[in-house]
Amino acid sequence: QMNSLKPEDTAIYYCAAVEYYTTNYCTIEHAAFGSW
């Protein structure tokens, strides 16, 4: 959900998935993700 959008938010937006054993961790380092 994206609110109060600004011109600098203009971009192509991608989602990606990474399989983790742990249930309560995530990262925004794109190198960690294998499926896009």
ModelCIF file with pLDDT and N, C-alpha, C, O atoms, coordinates in Angstrom:
data_MODEL
#
_entry.id   MODEL 
#
_entity.id                         1 
_entity.type                       polymer 
_entity.pdbx_number_of_molecules   1 
#
_entity_poly.entity_id                      1 
_entity_poly.type                           'polypeptide(L)' 
_entity_poly.nstd_linkage                   no 
_entity_poly.nstd_monomer                   no 
_entity_poly.pdbx_seq_one_letter_code       QMNSLKPEDTAIYYCAAVEYYTTNYCTIEHAAFGSW 
_entity_poly.pdbx_seq_one_letter_code_can   QMNSLKPEDTAIYYCAAVEYYTTNYCTIEHAAFGSW 
_entity_poly.pdbx_strand_id                 A 
#
loop_
_entity_poly_seq.entity_id 
_entity_poly_seq.num 
_entity_poly_seq.mon_id 
_entity_poly_seq.hetero 
1 1  GLN n 
1 2  MET n 
1 3  ASN n 
1 4  SER n 
1 5  LEU n 
1 6  LYS n 
1 7  PRO n 
1 8  GLU n 
1 9  ASP n 
1 10 THR n 
1 11 ALA n 
1 12 ILE n 
1 13 TYR n 
1 14 TYR n 
1 15 CYS n 
1 16 ALA n 
1 17 ALA n 
1 18 VAL n 
1 19 GLU n 
1 20 TYR n 
1 21 TYR n 
1 22 THR n 
1 23 THR n 
1 24 ASN n 
1 25 TYR n 
1 26 CYS n 
1 27 THR n 
1 28 ILE n 
1 29 GLU n 
1 30 HIS n 
1 31 ALA n 
1 32 ALA n 
1 33 PHE n 
1 34 GLY n 
1 35 SER n 
1 36 TRP n 
#
_struct_asym.id          A 
_struct_asym.entity_id   1 
#
loop_
_ma_qa_metric.id 
_ma_qa_metric.mode 
_ma_qa_metric.name 
_ma_qa_metric.software_group_id 
_ma_qa_metric.type 
1 global pLDDT . pLDDT 
2 local  pLDDT . pLDDT 
#
_ma_qa_metric_global.metric_id      1 
_ma_qa_metric_global.metric_value   94.28 
_ma_qa_metric_global.model_id       1 
_ma_qa_metric_global.ordinal_id     1 
#
loop_
_ma_qa_metric_local.label_asym_id 
_ma_qa_metric_local.label_comp_id 
_ma_qa_metric_local.label_seq_id 
_ma_qa_metric_local.metric_id 
_ma_qa_metric_local.metric_value 
_ma_qa_metric_local.model_id 
_ma_qa_metric_local.ordinal_id 
A GLN 1  2 98.00 1 1  
A MET 2  2 98.00 1 2  
A ASN 3  2 98.00 1 3  
A SER 4  2 98.00 1 4  
A LEU 5  2 98.00 1 5  
A LYS 6  2 98.00 1 6  
A PRO 7  2 97.00 1 7  
A GLU 8  2 96.00 1 8  
A ASP 9  2 98.00 1 9  
A THR 10 2 98.00 1 10 
A ALA 11 2 98.00 1 11 
A ILE 12 2 98.00 1 12 
A TYR 13 2 98.00 1 13 
A TYR 14 2 98.00 1 14 
A CYS 15 2 97.00 1 15 
A ALA 16 2 97.00 1 16 
A ALA 17 2 96.00 1 17 
A VAL 18 2 95.00 1 18 
A GLU 19 2 93.00 1 19 
A TYR 20 2 89.00 1 20 
A TYR 21 2 86.00 1 21 
A THR 22 2 88.00 1 22 
A THR 23 2 89.00 1 23 
A ASN 24 2 92.00 1 24 
A TYR 25 2 92.00 1 25 
A CYS 26 2 94.00 1 26 
A THR 27 2 93.00 1 27 
A ILE 28 2 94.00 1 28 
A GLU 29 2 92.00 1 29 
A HIS 30 2 88.00 1 30 
A ALA 31 2 88.00 1 31 
A ALA 32 2 90.00 1 32 
A PHE 33 2 93.00 1 33 
A GLY 34 2 90.00 1 34 
A SER 35 2 93.00 1 35 
A TRP 36 2 96.00 1 36 
#
loop_
_atom_site.group_PDB 
_atom_site.id 
_atom_site.type_symbol 
_atom_site.label_atom_id 
_atom_site.label_alt_id 
_atom_site.label_comp_id 
_atom_site.label_asym_id 
_atom_site.label_entity_id 
_atom_site.label_seq_id 
_atom_site.pdbx_PDB_ins_code 
_atom_site.Cartn_x 
_atom_site.Cartn_y 
_atom_site.Cartn_z 
_atom_site.occupancy 
_atom_site.B_iso_or_equiv 
_atom_site.pdbx_formal_charge 
_atom_site.auth_seq_id 
_atom_site.auth_comp_id 
_atom_site.auth_asym_id 
_atom_site.auth_atom_id 
_atom_site.pdbx_PDB_model_num 
ATOM 1   N N  . GLN A 1 1  ? 0.853  -1.180  0.000   1.00 98.00 ? 1  GLN A N  1 
ATOM 2   C CA . GLN A 1 1  ? 0.000  0.000   0.000   1.00 98.00 ? 1  GLN A CA 1 
ATOM 3   C C  . GLN A 1 1  ? 0.890  1.231   0.000   1.00 98.00 ? 1  GLN A C  1 
ATOM 4   O O  . GLN A 1 1  ? 1.711  1.416   0.898   1.00 98.00 ? 1  GLN A O  1 
ATOM 5   N N  . MET A 1 2  ? 0.721  2.067   -1.009  1.00 98.00 ? 2  MET A N  1 
ATOM 6   C CA . MET A 1 2  ? 1.575  3.245   -1.165  1.00 98.00 ? 2  MET A CA 1 
ATOM 7   C C  . MET A 1 2  ? 0.710  4.499   -1.067  1.00 98.00 ? 2  MET A C  1 
ATOM 8   O O  . MET A 1 2  ? -0.158 4.734   -1.907  1.00 98.00 ? 2  MET A O  1 
ATOM 9   N N  . ASN A 1 3  ? 0.954  5.286   -0.047  1.00 98.00 ? 3  ASN A N  1 
ATOM 10  C CA . ASN A 1 3  ? 0.212  6.526   0.174   1.00 98.00 ? 3  ASN A CA 1 
ATOM 11  C C  . ASN A 1 3  ? 1.137  7.731   0.036   1.00 98.00 ? 3  ASN A C  1 
ATOM 12  O O  . ASN A 1 3  ? 2.360  7.593   0.044   1.00 98.00 ? 3  ASN A O  1 
ATOM 13  N N  . SER A 1 4  ? 0.541  8.905   -0.089  1.00 98.00 ? 4  SER A N  1 
ATOM 14  C CA . SER A 1 4  ? 1.307  10.151  -0.189  1.00 98.00 ? 4  SER A CA 1 
ATOM 15  C C  . SER A 1 4  ? 2.419  10.036  -1.221  1.00 98.00 ? 4  SER A C  1 
ATOM 16  O O  . SER A 1 4  ? 3.568  10.391  -0.959  1.00 98.00 ? 4  SER A O  1 
ATOM 17  N N  . LEU A 1 5  ? 2.068  9.543   -2.374  1.00 98.00 ? 5  LEU A N  1 
ATOM 18  C CA . LEU A 1 5  ? 3.070  9.290   -3.404  1.00 98.00 ? 5  LEU A CA 1 
ATOM 19  C C  . LEU A 1 5  ? 3.704  10.580  -3.901  1.00 98.00 ? 5  LEU A C  1 
ATOM 20  O O  . LEU A 1 5  ? 3.060  11.626  -3.978  1.00 98.00 ? 5  LEU A O  1 
ATOM 21  N N  . LYS A 1 6  ? 4.979  10.474  -4.233  1.00 98.00 ? 6  LYS A N  1 
ATOM 22  C CA . LYS A 1 6  ? 5.774  11.610  -4.710  1.00 98.00 ? 6  LYS A CA 1 
ATOM 23  C C  . LYS A 1 6  ? 6.305  11.297  -6.100  1.00 98.00 ? 6  LYS A C  1 
ATOM 24  O O  . LYS A 1 6  ? 6.404  10.128  -6.476  1.00 98.00 ? 6  LYS A O  1 
ATOM 25  N N  . PRO A 1 7  ? 6.645  12.313  -6.858  1.00 97.00 ? 7  PRO A N  1 
ATOM 26  C CA . PRO A 1 7  ? 7.227  12.053  -8.187  1.00 97.00 ? 7  PRO A CA 1 
ATOM 27  C C  . PRO A 1 7  ? 8.463  11.157  -8.125  1.00 97.00 ? 7  PRO A C  1 
ATOM 28  O O  . PRO A 1 7  ? 8.708  10.370  -9.040  1.00 97.00 ? 7  PRO A O  1 
ATOM 29  N N  . GLU A 1 8  ? 9.227  11.272  -7.069  1.00 96.00 ? 8  GLU A N  1 
ATOM 30  C CA . GLU A 1 8  ? 10.435 10.436  -6.945  1.00 96.00 ? 8  GLU A CA 1 
ATOM 31  C C  . GLU A 1 8  ? 10.135 8.974   -6.673  1.00 96.00 ? 8  GLU A C  1 
ATOM 32  O O  . GLU A 1 8  ? 11.051 8.152   -6.661  1.00 96.00 ? 8  GLU A O  1 
ATOM 33  N N  . ASP A 1 9  ? 8.874  8.633   -6.454  1.00 98.00 ? 9  ASP A N  1 
ATOM 34  C CA . ASP A 1 9  ? 8.484  7.223   -6.323  1.00 98.00 ? 9  ASP A CA 1 
ATOM 35  C C  . ASP A 1 9  ? 8.274  6.566   -7.684  1.00 98.00 ? 9  ASP A C  1 
ATOM 36  O O  . ASP A 1 9  ? 8.056  5.357   -7.764  1.00 98.00 ? 9  ASP A O  1 
ATOM 37  N N  . THR A 1 10 ? 8.339  7.350   -8.742  1.00 98.00 ? 10 THR A N  1 
ATOM 38  C CA . THR A 1 10 ? 8.158  6.803   -10.085 1.00 98.00 ? 10 THR A CA 1 
ATOM 39  C C  . THR A 1 10 ? 9.243  5.787   -10.398 1.00 98.00 ? 10 THR A C  1 
ATOM 40  O O  . THR A 1 10 ? 10.435 6.077   -10.293 1.00 98.00 ? 10 THR A O  1 
ATOM 41  N N  . ALA A 1 11 ? 8.811  4.588   -10.784 1.00 98.00 ? 11 ALA A N  1 
ATOM 42  C CA . ALA A 1 11 ? 9.752  3.495   -11.047 1.00 98.00 ? 11 ALA A CA 1 
ATOM 43  C C  . ALA A 1 11 ? 8.965  2.270   -11.493 1.00 98.00 ? 11 ALA A C  1 
ATOM 44  O O  . ALA A 1 11 ? 7.735  2.240   -11.432 1.00 98.00 ? 11 ALA A O  1 
ATOM 45  N N  . ILE A 1 12 ? 9.699  1.270   -11.938 1.00 98.00 ? 12 ILE A N  1 
ATOM 46  C CA . ILE A 1 12 ? 9.113  -0.062  -12.089 1.00 98.00 ? 12 ILE A CA 1 
ATOM 47  C C  . ILE A 1 12 ? 9.276  -0.762  -10.752 1.00 98.00 ? 12 ILE A C  1 
ATOM 48  O O  . ILE A 1 12 ? 10.369 -0.804  -10.188 1.00 98.00 ? 12 ILE A O  1 
ATOM 49  N N  . TYR A 1 13 ? 8.186  -1.309  -10.257 1.00 98.00 ? 13 TYR A N  1 
ATOM 50  C CA . TYR A 1 13 ? 8.187  -1.996  -8.963  1.00 98.00 ? 13 TYR A CA 1 
ATOM 51  C C  . TYR A 1 13 ? 8.151  -3.508  -9.187  1.00 98.00 ? 13 TYR A C  1 
ATOM 52  O O  . TYR A 1 13 ? 7.343  -4.023  -9.960  1.00 98.00 ? 13 TYR A O  1 
ATOM 53  N N  . TYR A 1 14 ? 9.038  -4.192  -8.497  1.00 98.00 ? 14 TYR A N  1 
ATOM 54  C CA . TYR A 1 14 ? 9.155  -5.636  -8.599  1.00 98.00 ? 14 TYR A CA 1 
ATOM 55  C C  . TYR A 1 14 ? 8.933  -6.268  -7.225  1.00 98.00 ? 14 TYR A C  1 
ATOM 56  O O  . TYR A 1 14 ? 9.320  -5.709  -6.199  1.00 98.00 ? 14 TYR A O  1 
ATOM 57  N N  . CYS A 1 15 ? 8.307  -7.432  -7.227  1.00 97.00 ? 15 CYS A N  1 
ATOM 58  C CA . CYS A 1 15 ? 8.324  -8.234  -6.007  1.00 97.00 ? 15 CYS A CA 1 
ATOM 59  C C  . CYS A 1 15 ? 9.253  -9.425  -6.231  1.00 97.00 ? 15 CYS A C  1 
ATOM 60  O O  . CYS A 1 15 ? 9.484  -9.861  -7.359  1.00 97.00 ? 15 CYS A O  1 
ATOM 61  N N  . ALA A 1 16 ? 9.770  -9.929  -5.129  1.00 97.00 ? 16 ALA A N  1 
ATOM 62  C CA . ALA A 1 16 ? 10.715 -11.035 -5.188  1.00 97.00 ? 16 ALA A CA 1 
ATOM 63  C C  . ALA A 1 16 ? 10.551 -11.885 -3.938  1.00 97.00 ? 16 ALA A C  1 
ATOM 64  O O  . ALA A 1 16 ? 10.062 -11.419 -2.908  1.00 97.00 ? 16 ALA A O  1 
ATOM 65  N N  . ALA A 1 17 ? 10.971 -13.145 -4.050  1.00 96.00 ? 17 ALA A N  1 
ATOM 66  C CA . ALA A 1 17 ? 10.801 -14.096 -2.960  1.00 96.00 ? 17 ALA A CA 1 
ATOM 67  C C  . ALA A 1 17 ? 12.114 -14.773 -2.630  1.00 96.00 ? 17 ALA A C  1 
ATOM 68  O O  . ALA A 1 17 ? 12.933 -15.051 -3.506  1.00 96.00 ? 17 ALA A O  1 
ATOM 69  N N  . VAL A 1 18 ? 12.294 -15.032 -1.346  1.00 95.00 ? 18 VAL A N  1 
ATOM 70  C CA . VAL A 1 18 ? 13.448 -15.805 -0.885  1.00 95.00 ? 18 VAL A CA 1 
ATOM 71  C C  . VAL A 1 18 ? 12.964 -16.795 0.157   1.00 95.00 ? 18 VAL A C  1 
ATOM 72  O O  . VAL A 1 18 ? 12.215 -16.441 1.067   1.00 95.00 ? 18 VAL A O  1 
ATOM 73  N N  . GLU A 1 19 ? 13.399 -18.035 0.015   1.00 93.00 ? 19 GLU A N  1 
ATOM 74  C CA . GLU A 1 19 ? 12.959 -19.083 0.931   1.00 93.00 ? 19 GLU A CA 1 
ATOM 75  C C  . GLU A 1 19 ? 13.818 -19.059 2.183   1.00 93.00 ? 19 GLU A C  1 
ATOM 76  O O  . GLU A 1 19 ? 15.046 -19.123 2.119   1.00 93.00 ? 19 GLU A O  1 
ATOM 77  N N  . TYR A 1 20 ? 13.147 -18.967 3.321   1.00 89.00 ? 20 TYR A N  1 
ATOM 78  C CA . TYR A 1 20 ? 13.841 -18.951 4.604   1.00 89.00 ? 20 TYR A CA 1 
ATOM 79  C C  . TYR A 1 20 ? 13.283 -20.029 5.514   1.00 89.00 ? 20 TYR A C  1 
ATOM 80  O O  . TYR A 1 20 ? 12.091 -20.335 5.474   1.00 89.00 ? 20 TYR A O  1 
ATOM 81  N N  . TYR A 1 21 ? 14.153 -20.602 6.336   1.00 86.00 ? 21 TYR A N  1 
ATOM 82  C CA . TYR A 1 21 ? 13.687 -21.499 7.394   1.00 86.00 ? 21 TYR A CA 1 
ATOM 83  C C  . TYR A 1 21 ? 13.035 -20.684 8.515   1.00 86.00 ? 21 TYR A C  1 
ATOM 84  O O  . TYR A 1 21 ? 11.976 -21.047 9.028   1.00 86.00 ? 21 TYR A O  1 
ATOM 85  N N  . THR A 1 22 ? 13.678 -19.589 8.880   1.00 88.00 ? 22 THR A N  1 
ATOM 86  C CA . THR A 1 22 ? 13.145 -18.780 9.965   1.00 88.00 ? 22 THR A CA 1 
ATOM 87  C C  . THR A 1 22 ? 11.893 -18.034 9.501   1.00 88.00 ? 22 THR A C  1 
ATOM 88  O O  . THR A 1 22 ? 11.793 -17.629 8.343   1.00 88.00 ? 22 THR A O  1 
ATOM 89  N N  . THR A 1 23 ? 10.957 -17.861 10.408  1.00 89.00 ? 23 THR A N  1 
ATOM 90  C CA . THR A 1 23 ? 9.671  -17.263 10.023  1.00 89.00 ? 23 THR A CA 1 
ATOM 91  C C  . THR A 1 23 ? 9.595  -15.771 10.279  1.00 89.00 ? 23 THR A C  1 
ATOM 92  O O  . THR A 1 23 ? 8.667  -15.112 9.810   1.00 89.00 ? 23 THR A O  1 
ATOM 93  N N  . ASN A 1 24 ? 10.554 -15.226 11.017  1.00 92.00 ? 24 ASN A N  1 
ATOM 94  C CA . ASN A 1 24 ? 10.419 -13.840 11.446  1.00 92.00 ? 24 ASN A CA 1 
ATOM 95  C C  . ASN A 1 24 ? 11.605 -12.974 11.027  1.00 92.00 ? 24 ASN A C  1 
ATOM 96  O O  . ASN A 1 24 ? 12.110 -12.177 11.817  1.00 92.00 ? 24 ASN A O  1 
ATOM 97  N N  . TYR A 1 25 ? 12.036 -13.133 9.801   1.00 92.00 ? 25 TYR A N  1 
ATOM 98  C CA . TYR A 1 25 ? 13.160 -12.350 9.290   1.00 92.00 ? 25 TYR A CA 1 
ATOM 99  C C  . TYR A 1 25 ? 12.913 -11.990 7.841   1.00 92.00 ? 25 TYR A C  1 
ATOM 100 O O  . TYR A 1 25 ? 12.344 -12.777 7.083   1.00 92.00 ? 25 TYR A O  1 
ATOM 101 N N  . CYS A 1 26 ? 13.343 -10.794 7.457   1.00 94.00 ? 26 CYS A N  1 
ATOM 102 C CA . CYS A 1 26 ? 13.354 -10.457 6.041   1.00 94.00 ? 26 CYS A CA 1 
ATOM 103 C C  . CYS A 1 26 ? 14.446 -9.417  5.791   1.00 94.00 ? 26 CYS A C  1 
ATOM 104 O O  . CYS A 1 26 ? 14.978 -8.822  6.728   1.00 94.00 ? 26 CYS A O  1 
ATOM 105 N N  . THR A 1 27 ? 14.766 -9.211  4.532   1.00 93.00 ? 27 THR A N  1 
ATOM 106 C CA . THR A 1 27 ? 15.803 -8.277  4.144   1.00 93.00 ? 27 THR A CA 1 
ATOM 107 C C  . THR A 1 27 ? 15.387 -7.567  2.868   1.00 93.00 ? 27 THR A C  1 
ATOM 108 O O  . THR A 1 27 ? 14.587 -8.089  2.092   1.00 93.00 ? 27 THR A O  1 
ATOM 109 N N  . ILE A 1 28 ? 15.931 -6.376  2.652   1.00 94.00 ? 28 ILE A N  1 
ATOM 110 C CA . ILE A 1 28 ? 15.685 -5.679  1.390   1.00 94.00 ? 28 ILE A CA 1 
ATOM 111 C C  . ILE A 1 28 ? 16.968 -5.608  0.558   1.00 94.00 ? 28 ILE A C  1 
ATOM 112 O O  . ILE A 1 28 ? 17.136 -4.723  -0.282  1.00 94.00 ? 28 ILE A O  1 
ATOM 113 N N  . GLU A 1 29 ? 17.868 -6.564  0.813   1.00 92.00 ? 29 GLU A N  1 
ATOM 114 C CA . GLU A 1 29 ? 19.057 -6.702  -0.017  1.00 92.00 ? 29 GLU A CA 1 
ATOM 115 C C  . GLU A 1 29 ? 18.689 -7.563  -1.224  1.00 92.00 ? 29 GLU A C  1 
ATOM 116 O O  . GLU A 1 29 ? 18.400 -8.750  -1.073  1.00 92.00 ? 29 GLU A O  1 
ATOM 117 N N  . HIS A 1 30 ? 18.698 -6.976  -2.412  1.00 88.00 ? 30 HIS A N  1 
ATOM 118 C CA . HIS A 1 30 ? 18.159 -7.701  -3.563  1.00 88.00 ? 30 HIS A CA 1 
ATOM 119 C C  . HIS A 1 30 ? 18.965 -8.944  -3.919  1.00 88.00 ? 30 HIS A C  1 
ATOM 120 O O  . HIS A 1 30 ? 18.425 -9.870  -4.524  1.00 88.00 ? 30 HIS A O  1 
ATOM 121 N N  . ALA A 1 31 ? 20.238 -8.985  -3.559  1.00 88.00 ? 31 ALA A N  1 
ATOM 122 C CA . ALA A 1 31 ? 21.053 -10.152 -3.895  1.00 88.00 ? 31 ALA A CA 1 
ATOM 123 C C  . ALA A 1 31 ? 20.568 -11.420 -3.212  1.00 88.00 ? 31 ALA A C  1 
ATOM 124 O O  . ALA A 1 31 ? 20.910 -12.520 -3.646  1.00 88.00 ? 31 ALA A O  1 
ATOM 125 N N  . ALA A 1 32 ? 19.785 -11.291 -2.164  1.00 90.00 ? 32 ALA A N  1 
ATOM 126 C CA . ALA A 1 32 ? 19.312 -12.463 -1.433  1.00 90.00 ? 32 ALA A CA 1 
ATOM 127 C C  . ALA A 1 32 ? 18.171 -13.173 -2.140  1.00 90.00 ? 32 ALA A C  1 
ATOM 128 O O  . ALA A 1 32 ? 17.869 -14.324 -1.822  1.00 90.00 ? 32 ALA A O  1 
ATOM 129 N N  . PHE A 1 33 ? 17.532 -12.508 -3.094  1.00 93.00 ? 33 PHE A N  1 
ATOM 130 C CA . PHE A 1 33 ? 16.290 -13.013 -3.669  1.00 93.00 ? 33 PHE A CA 1 
ATOM 131 C C  . PHE A 1 33 ? 16.530 -13.773 -4.960  1.00 93.00 ? 33 PHE A C  1 
ATOM 132 O O  . PHE A 1 33 ? 17.310 -13.356 -5.816  1.00 93.00 ? 33 PHE A O  1 
ATOM 133 N N  . GLY A 1 34 ? 15.829 -14.918 -5.079  1.00 90.00 ? 34 GLY A N  1 
ATOM 134 C CA . GLY A 1 34 ? 16.040 -15.755 -6.244  1.00 90.00 ? 34 GLY A CA 1 
ATOM 135 C C  . GLY A 1 34 ? 14.908 -15.761 -7.247  1.00 90.00 ? 34 GLY A C  1 
ATOM 136 O O  . GLY A 1 34 ? 15.125 -16.074 -8.417  1.00 90.00 ? 34 GLY A O  1 
ATOM 137 N N  . SER A 1 35 ? 13.706 -15.423 -6.816  1.00 93.00 ? 35 SER A N  1 
ATOM 138 C CA . SER A 1 35 ? 12.542 -15.444 -7.700  1.00 93.00 ? 35 SER A CA 1 
ATOM 139 C C  . SER A 1 35 ? 11.998 -14.031 -7.824  1.00 93.00 ? 35 SER A C  1 
ATOM 140 O O  . SER A 1 35 ? 11.765 -13.355 -6.823  1.00 93.00 ? 35 SER A O  1 
ATOM 141 N N  . TRP A 1 36 ? 11.799 -13.593 -9.053  1.00 96.00 ? 36 TRP A N  1 
ATOM 142 C CA . TRP A 1 36 ? 11.385 -12.217 -9.314  1.00 96.00 ? 36 TRP A CA 1 
ATOM 143 C C  . TRP A 1 36 ? 10.183 -12.182 -10.254 1.00 96.00 ? 36 TRP A C  1 
ATOM 144 O O  . TRP A 1 36 ? 9.693  -11.103 -10.589 1.00 96.00 ? 36 TRP A O  1 
#
